[in-house]
Structure formats: C-alpha cells, structure tokens
Amino acid sequence: MAGPEAANNAASAGVLVPLLTIGLPTSATAAVILTAFQSYGLQPGPELFEESGPLVWTLIASLYLGNLMLLVLNLPLVRMWARLLTIPAYGIYAGVLVFAALGTYAAGGTTGDLVVLCVLGLVGLLMRQAGIPVAPAVVGLILGPIAEQQLRRALTISEGDPAILVSSPITITLWVVALLALLLAIAAPLRGGKGRDPRYSR
C-alpha cells in the first residue's frame, strides 16, 4: 500500500513541473489547475515566476507541508485509512455525487447547472462503458479554447495567411511530433488487439 501511494504522490507533484514552467498540463488534474490559474488571470509559464513569484513559491511550499502532514496523519492512522477500503463503492459514489451537485449549485445557483452536471455525468458513464478514457477528454475540453485563441491570434498576425503555421522549423517539428503522437495512439490499440487474437498467440 505504501508503494502505490508514494508513486501517486510523486506523480501528482511531478505534473506541476511542466505546468508551471511551460504551461503544459500533462494530466486531468493539471488541466483543472490550469483553468483555476486562468480564472484568476494567471498564465503558467516562465513569466509566472517573475510576475507572481510569491504565489509559485507558496504553492511549492504547500507541497512540502502537505507531505509532512501526510507523514503525520498516515503513520498513526494507517489502520483507520485501510478500513475506508471496506466502504461499498455505491456509498462513495453517492457522496461524490452529493458534493458535486452542491458545488455546482453553489457556483451557478440555477437548476440548469444541475442538468448540465447530470448530462456530463451520463456522457462520462457512456464513455467508461465504451472503454474511452475520460482524462484526455477533460484535457481537450480545457485546452481546446486556448488552442483556438492562439490560432486566431496567429492568423490575425499573418493577416489570414495559414502558411504561418508551417513557417519555421520549430512549427514543422511540432506538427510532426503531434502527428506521430496521433498515429501512435491509433496504432497502439490495434497492436494490442492483435496480441489478444488467438491467431497471433501461437
């Protein structure tokens, strides 16, 4: 139990490095943090350390204090935390649903927000039943408007000429890397499916 928990803590803190330095969220949690930054008018990146240095170092200090608190709480209360695993899954889901509904209603104050919450929850359930990961969808939903904004800015600078998107070796390299990542994401499930096929198992 200690091994997976340590790996989880290391991964959770590690996503902040690309997020704070270059503004790139590498997980759904980092994408949510990016949205929170932007809601307060903060854009993660190199300039964030100069413009909002106290905020960045406070965030780093909070990670250190959080690990200390985990050490204080986990060692004497490890048996109690282990008993939480005996809670039925439907009880946890019910609690998460209640708090999500309360947070949604408190943020908007309308029943329409609750309807949107239910629809998104249903979409997430259908995606899970179909085996479609939800995390990339969350990251795409958050990064999509940012990509559209930067695309409009680039086209405005070039006066509507789309050739600016492939006007330098850096942009061409990024397009090639993105295309390779897309092809690998498509090819990986196909290769995995062949490995499970009885004809390829001999």
Protein backbone atom coordinates (compact mmCIF):
# COMPACT_ATOMS: atom_id res chain seq x y z
CA MET A 1 0.00 0.00 0.00
CA ALA A 2 2.89 2.36 0.73
CA GLY A 3 4.44 1.80 -2.69
CA PRO A 4 1.43 2.82 -4.81
CA GLU A 5 0.71 5.76 -2.50
CA ALA A 6 4.29 7.03 -2.80
CA ALA A 7 4.15 6.67 -6.58
CA ASN A 8 0.85 8.55 -6.66
CA ASN A 9 2.24 11.43 -4.60
CA ALA A 10 5.34 11.62 -6.80
CA ALA A 11 3.25 11.71 -9.98
CA SER A 12 0.85 14.32 -8.59
CA ALA A 13 3.69 16.67 -7.69
CA GLY A 14 5.58 15.94 -10.91
CA VAL A 15 2.80 17.27 -13.14
CA LEU A 16 3.36 20.74 -11.66
CA VAL A 17 6.83 20.99 -13.24
CA PRO A 18 5.68 21.25 -16.90
CA LEU A 19 2.56 23.11 -15.80
CA LEU A 20 4.38 25.93 -14.01
CA THR A 21 7.38 26.15 -16.34
CA ILE A 22 5.81 25.95 -19.81
CA GLY A 23 2.08 25.97 -19.04
CA LEU A 24 1.54 22.42 -20.32
CA PRO A 25 -0.90 20.23 -18.34
CA THR A 26 0.06 16.57 -18.53
CA SER A 27 -2.94 15.20 -16.62
CA ALA A 28 -6.57 15.99 -15.96
CA THR A 29 -5.67 17.36 -12.52
CA ALA A 30 -3.09 19.70 -14.03
CA ALA A 31 -5.66 20.85 -16.59
CA VAL A 32 -8.06 21.75 -13.79
CA ILE A 33 -5.27 23.65 -12.01
CA LEU A 34 -4.53 25.49 -15.27
CA THR A 35 -8.17 26.51 -15.53
CA ALA A 36 -8.07 27.79 -11.94
CA PHE A 37 -4.97 29.85 -12.73
CA GLN A 38 -6.59 31.36 -15.80
CA SER A 39 -9.76 32.20 -13.90
CA TYR A 40 -7.60 34.46 -11.71
CA GLY A 41 -5.82 35.98 -14.69
CA LEU A 42 -2.61 33.94 -14.29
CA GLN A 43 -0.92 32.22 -17.23
CA PRO A 44 1.56 29.48 -16.21
CA GLY A 45 4.92 29.75 -17.90
CA PRO A 46 8.34 31.33 -17.42
CA GLU A 47 6.82 34.77 -16.80
CA LEU A 48 4.74 33.41 -13.94
CA PHE A 49 7.85 33.15 -11.75
CA GLU A 50 8.60 36.83 -12.37
CA GLU A 51 5.08 38.23 -12.18
CA SER A 52 3.72 36.03 -9.38
CA GLY A 53 6.82 34.65 -7.71
CA PRO A 54 5.33 34.59 -4.17
CA LEU A 55 2.36 32.56 -5.42
CA VAL A 56 4.60 29.98 -7.12
CA TRP A 57 6.86 29.53 -4.10
CA THR A 58 3.84 29.36 -1.82
CA LEU A 59 2.49 26.54 -3.98
CA ILE A 60 5.80 24.70 -3.78
CA ALA A 61 5.93 25.23 -0.01
CA SER A 62 2.38 23.86 0.28
CA LEU A 63 3.52 20.63 -1.39
CA TYR A 64 6.29 20.29 1.17
CA LEU A 65 3.92 20.97 4.06
CA GLY A 66 1.37 18.59 2.56
CA ASN A 67 3.90 15.76 2.53
CA LEU A 68 4.74 16.48 6.16
CA MET A 69 1.05 16.39 7.09
CA LEU A 70 0.64 13.11 5.21
CA LEU A 71 3.52 11.68 7.21
CA VAL A 72 1.97 12.82 10.49
CA LEU A 73 -1.52 11.57 9.62
CA ASN A 74 -0.68 8.32 7.82
CA LEU A 75 1.68 6.72 10.31
CA PRO A 76 -0.62 6.72 13.40
CA LEU A 77 -3.88 6.38 11.44
CA VAL A 78 -2.88 3.84 8.82
CA ARG A 79 -5.32 1.21 10.13
CA MET A 80 -8.22 3.65 10.02
CA TRP A 81 -7.41 4.64 6.42
CA ALA A 82 -7.23 0.96 5.49
CA ARG A 83 -10.74 0.44 6.87
CA LEU A 84 -12.04 3.03 4.40
CA LEU A 85 -11.50 0.40 1.72
CA THR A 86 -14.37 -1.58 3.22
CA ILE A 87 -16.86 1.18 2.35
CA PRO A 88 -19.06 -0.03 -0.53
CA ALA A 89 -18.45 1.65 -3.86
CA TYR A 90 -22.04 2.89 -4.10
CA GLY A 91 -21.59 4.78 -0.82
CA ILE A 92 -18.51 6.60 -2.16
CA TYR A 93 -20.27 7.38 -5.45
CA ALA A 94 -23.26 8.77 -3.59
CA GLY A 95 -21.06 11.07 -1.51
CA VAL A 96 -19.16 12.31 -4.55
CA LEU A 97 -22.45 12.98 -6.37
CA VAL A 98 -23.86 14.96 -3.44
CA PHE A 99 -20.78 17.16 -3.10
CA ALA A 100 -20.56 17.65 -6.87
CA ALA A 101 -24.21 18.73 -7.00
CA LEU A 102 -23.75 21.09 -4.05
CA GLY A 103 -20.66 22.65 -5.61
CA THR A 104 -22.35 23.05 -8.98
CA TYR A 105 -25.45 24.67 -7.48
CA ALA A 106 -23.37 26.94 -5.26
CA ALA A 107 -21.32 28.13 -8.25
CA GLY A 108 -24.25 28.89 -10.57
CA GLY A 109 -27.34 28.88 -8.40
CA THR A 110 -29.61 27.51 -11.15
CA THR A 111 -31.17 24.15 -11.85
CA GLY A 112 -29.80 24.35 -15.39
CA ASP A 113 -26.32 23.81 -14.00
CA LEU A 114 -27.53 20.65 -12.30
CA VAL A 115 -28.98 19.43 -15.60
CA VAL A 116 -25.62 20.03 -17.29
CA LEU A 117 -23.93 18.14 -14.46
CA CYS A 118 -26.24 15.15 -14.96
CA VAL A 119 -25.75 15.19 -18.74
CA LEU A 120 -21.97 15.32 -18.39
CA GLY A 121 -22.11 12.54 -15.82
CA LEU A 122 -24.14 10.42 -18.24
CA VAL A 123 -21.66 11.13 -21.03
CA GLY A 124 -18.81 10.12 -18.73
CA LEU A 125 -20.63 6.88 -17.84
CA LEU A 126 -21.17 6.05 -21.51
CA MET A 127 -17.50 6.77 -22.24
CA ARG A 128 -16.48 4.46 -19.43
CA GLN A 129 -18.77 1.71 -20.66
CA ALA A 130 -17.30 2.11 -24.16
CA GLY A 131 -13.74 2.00 -22.85
CA ILE A 132 -12.98 5.60 -23.83
CA PRO A 133 -10.68 7.35 -21.30
CA VAL A 134 -12.17 10.44 -19.71
CA ALA A 135 -8.91 12.23 -18.80
CA PRO A 136 -7.95 13.14 -22.42
CA ALA A 137 -11.45 14.49 -22.97
CA VAL A 138 -11.13 16.72 -19.90
CA VAL A 139 -7.71 17.95 -21.02
CA GLY A 140 -9.02 18.61 -24.55
CA LEU A 141 -12.06 20.44 -23.19
CA ILE A 142 -9.83 22.79 -21.22
CA LEU A 143 -7.05 23.22 -23.79
CA GLY A 144 -9.39 23.49 -26.79
CA PRO A 145 -10.40 27.14 -26.19
CA ILE A 146 -6.76 28.05 -25.54
CA ALA A 147 -5.69 26.46 -28.84
CA GLU A 148 -8.47 28.28 -30.71
CA GLN A 149 -7.45 31.59 -29.15
CA GLN A 150 -3.81 31.14 -30.14
CA LEU A 151 -4.83 30.05 -33.66
CA ARG A 152 -6.92 33.21 -34.10
CA ARG A 153 -4.00 35.29 -32.82
CA ALA A 154 -1.59 33.68 -35.27
CA LEU A 155 -3.95 34.22 -38.20
CA THR A 156 -4.51 37.82 -37.14
CA ILE A 157 -0.77 38.46 -37.08
CA SER A 158 -0.35 36.87 -40.53
CA GLU A 159 -3.42 38.72 -41.89
CA GLY A 160 -5.24 35.46 -42.56
CA ASP A 161 -2.38 33.56 -44.19
CA PRO A 162 -2.40 29.95 -42.86
CA ALA A 163 1.17 29.43 -44.10
CA ILE A 164 2.37 30.99 -40.85
CA LEU A 165 1.51 27.70 -39.14
CA VAL A 166 4.37 25.99 -41.04
CA SER A 167 6.67 28.97 -41.49
CA SER A 168 9.55 27.87 -39.24
CA PRO A 169 11.43 24.65 -38.42
CA ILE A 170 10.06 24.71 -34.87
CA THR A 171 6.42 24.72 -36.03
CA ILE A 172 7.09 21.98 -38.57
CA THR A 173 8.79 19.87 -35.89
CA LEU A 174 5.84 20.36 -33.54
CA TRP A 175 3.38 19.35 -36.27
CA VAL A 176 5.41 16.20 -37.00
CA VAL A 177 5.58 15.31 -33.29
CA ALA A 178 1.82 15.85 -32.92
CA LEU A 179 1.15 13.68 -36.00
CA LEU A 180 3.41 10.91 -34.70
CA ALA A 181 1.70 11.02 -31.30
CA LEU A 182 -1.69 10.72 -33.02
CA LEU A 183 -0.56 7.79 -35.17
CA LEU A 184 0.96 6.00 -32.18
CA ALA A 185 -2.25 6.49 -30.19
CA ILE A 186 -4.22 4.92 -33.04
CA ALA A 187 -1.75 2.09 -33.69
CA ALA A 188 -1.25 1.04 -30.06
CA PRO A 189 -4.79 -0.37 -29.53
CA LEU A 190 -4.63 -2.14 -32.88
CA ARG A 191 -1.37 -3.86 -31.96
CA GLY A 192 -2.80 -4.74 -28.54
CA GLY A 193 -5.86 -6.26 -30.19
CA LYS A 194 -3.68 -8.41 -32.43
CA GLY A 195 -1.80 -9.65 -29.41
CA ARG A 196 -5.04 -10.92 -27.88
CA ASP A 197 -6.16 -12.61 -31.08
CA PRO A 198 -5.77 -16.44 -30.85
CA ARG A 199 -4.30 -16.47 -34.34
CA TYR A 200 -1.38 -14.35 -33.12
CA SER A 201 -0.92 -16.12 -29.78
CA ARG A 202 0.76 -19.22 -31.24
